[in-house]
Amino acid sequence: MVDVKCLSDYELQQELSKLGFSPGPMLPSTRKVYEKKLVQLLVSPPCASPVMNGPEELDGAQDDDDSE
């Protein structure tokens, strides 16, 4: 695993971006938060979001309910 404390600010931002997290400015006050976030993402990457039904399918379901 990557030693997050050894990464430069730029490298830390790049690693977070690769994992789908968009970090804000890297400041001394935010760096530890971003280091912790990177470790969390490396240990357990975020799962894919569930597929939602589109509005067309919802409209069709409402029409079926009305016809009863």
Protein backbone atom coordinates (compact mmCIF):
# COMPACT_ATOMS: atom_id res chain seq x y z
CA MET A 1 0.00 0.00 0.00
CA VAL A 2 1.09 3.57 -0.65
CA ASP A 3 2.65 5.47 2.28
CA VAL A 4 0.41 8.54 2.09
CA LYS A 5 2.65 10.62 4.36
CA CYS A 6 5.48 10.35 1.82
CA LEU A 7 3.39 11.65 -1.10
CA SER A 8 3.75 15.22 -2.28
CA ASP A 9 0.64 17.39 -2.27
CA TYR A 10 0.31 16.90 -6.03
CA GLU A 11 0.74 13.12 -5.79
CA LEU A 12 -1.84 12.94 -3.00
CA GLN A 13 -4.35 14.87 -5.15
CA GLN A 14 -3.64 12.60 -8.12
CA GLU A 15 -4.12 9.41 -6.11
CA LEU A 16 -7.44 10.69 -4.73
CA SER A 17 -8.57 11.67 -8.23
CA LYS A 18 -7.73 8.21 -9.59
CA LEU A 19 -10.09 6.73 -7.00
CA GLY A 20 -12.95 9.05 -7.95
CA PHE A 21 -12.58 11.58 -5.12
CA SER A 22 -12.25 15.24 -6.06
CA PRO A 23 -10.08 16.93 -3.43
CA GLY A 24 -10.16 20.63 -2.72
CA PRO A 25 -7.07 22.74 -2.14
CA MET A 26 -4.23 20.98 -0.37
CA LEU A 27 -3.41 23.06 2.70
CA PRO A 28 -1.61 22.18 5.92
CA SER A 29 -5.00 22.16 7.63
CA THR A 30 -6.60 19.80 5.06
CA ARG A 31 -3.73 17.48 4.22
CA LYS A 32 -4.34 15.06 7.11
CA VAL A 33 -8.02 14.83 6.15
CA TYR A 34 -7.06 13.93 2.56
CA GLU A 35 -4.44 11.43 3.76
CA LYS A 36 -7.11 9.71 5.86
CA LYS A 37 -9.56 9.74 2.93
CA LEU A 38 -6.97 8.16 0.61
CA VAL A 39 -6.32 5.37 3.11
CA GLN A 40 -10.08 4.74 3.40
CA LEU A 41 -10.45 4.59 -0.38
CA LEU A 42 -7.49 2.25 -0.75
CA VAL A 43 -8.80 -0.12 1.94
CA SER A 44 -12.38 -0.23 0.69
CA PRO A 45 -13.08 1.40 -2.67
CA PRO A 46 -16.59 2.84 -3.07
CA CYS A 47 -19.11 0.42 -4.53
CA ALA A 48 -20.98 1.19 -7.73
CA SER A 49 -24.23 3.04 -7.27
CA PRO A 50 -27.39 1.06 -8.00
CA VAL A 51 -29.01 1.48 -11.39
CA MET A 52 -32.07 3.68 -11.17
CA ASN A 53 -35.12 3.38 -13.39
CA GLY A 54 -35.49 6.20 -15.88
CA PRO A 55 -38.46 8.58 -15.93
CA GLU A 56 -40.07 6.68 -18.82
CA GLU A 57 -40.39 3.54 -16.71
CA LEU A 58 -41.83 5.52 -13.82
CA ASP A 59 -44.43 7.14 -16.08
CA GLY A 60 -45.40 3.70 -17.40
CA ALA A 61 -45.86 2.37 -13.88
CA GLN A 62 -48.12 5.28 -12.99
CA ASP A 63 -50.24 4.70 -16.10
CA ASP A 64 -50.70 1.05 -15.09
CA ASP A 65 -51.90 2.09 -11.63
CA ASP A 66 -54.44 4.54 -13.09
CA SER A 67 -56.00 1.93 -15.38
CA GLU A 68 -57.05 -0.39 -12.53
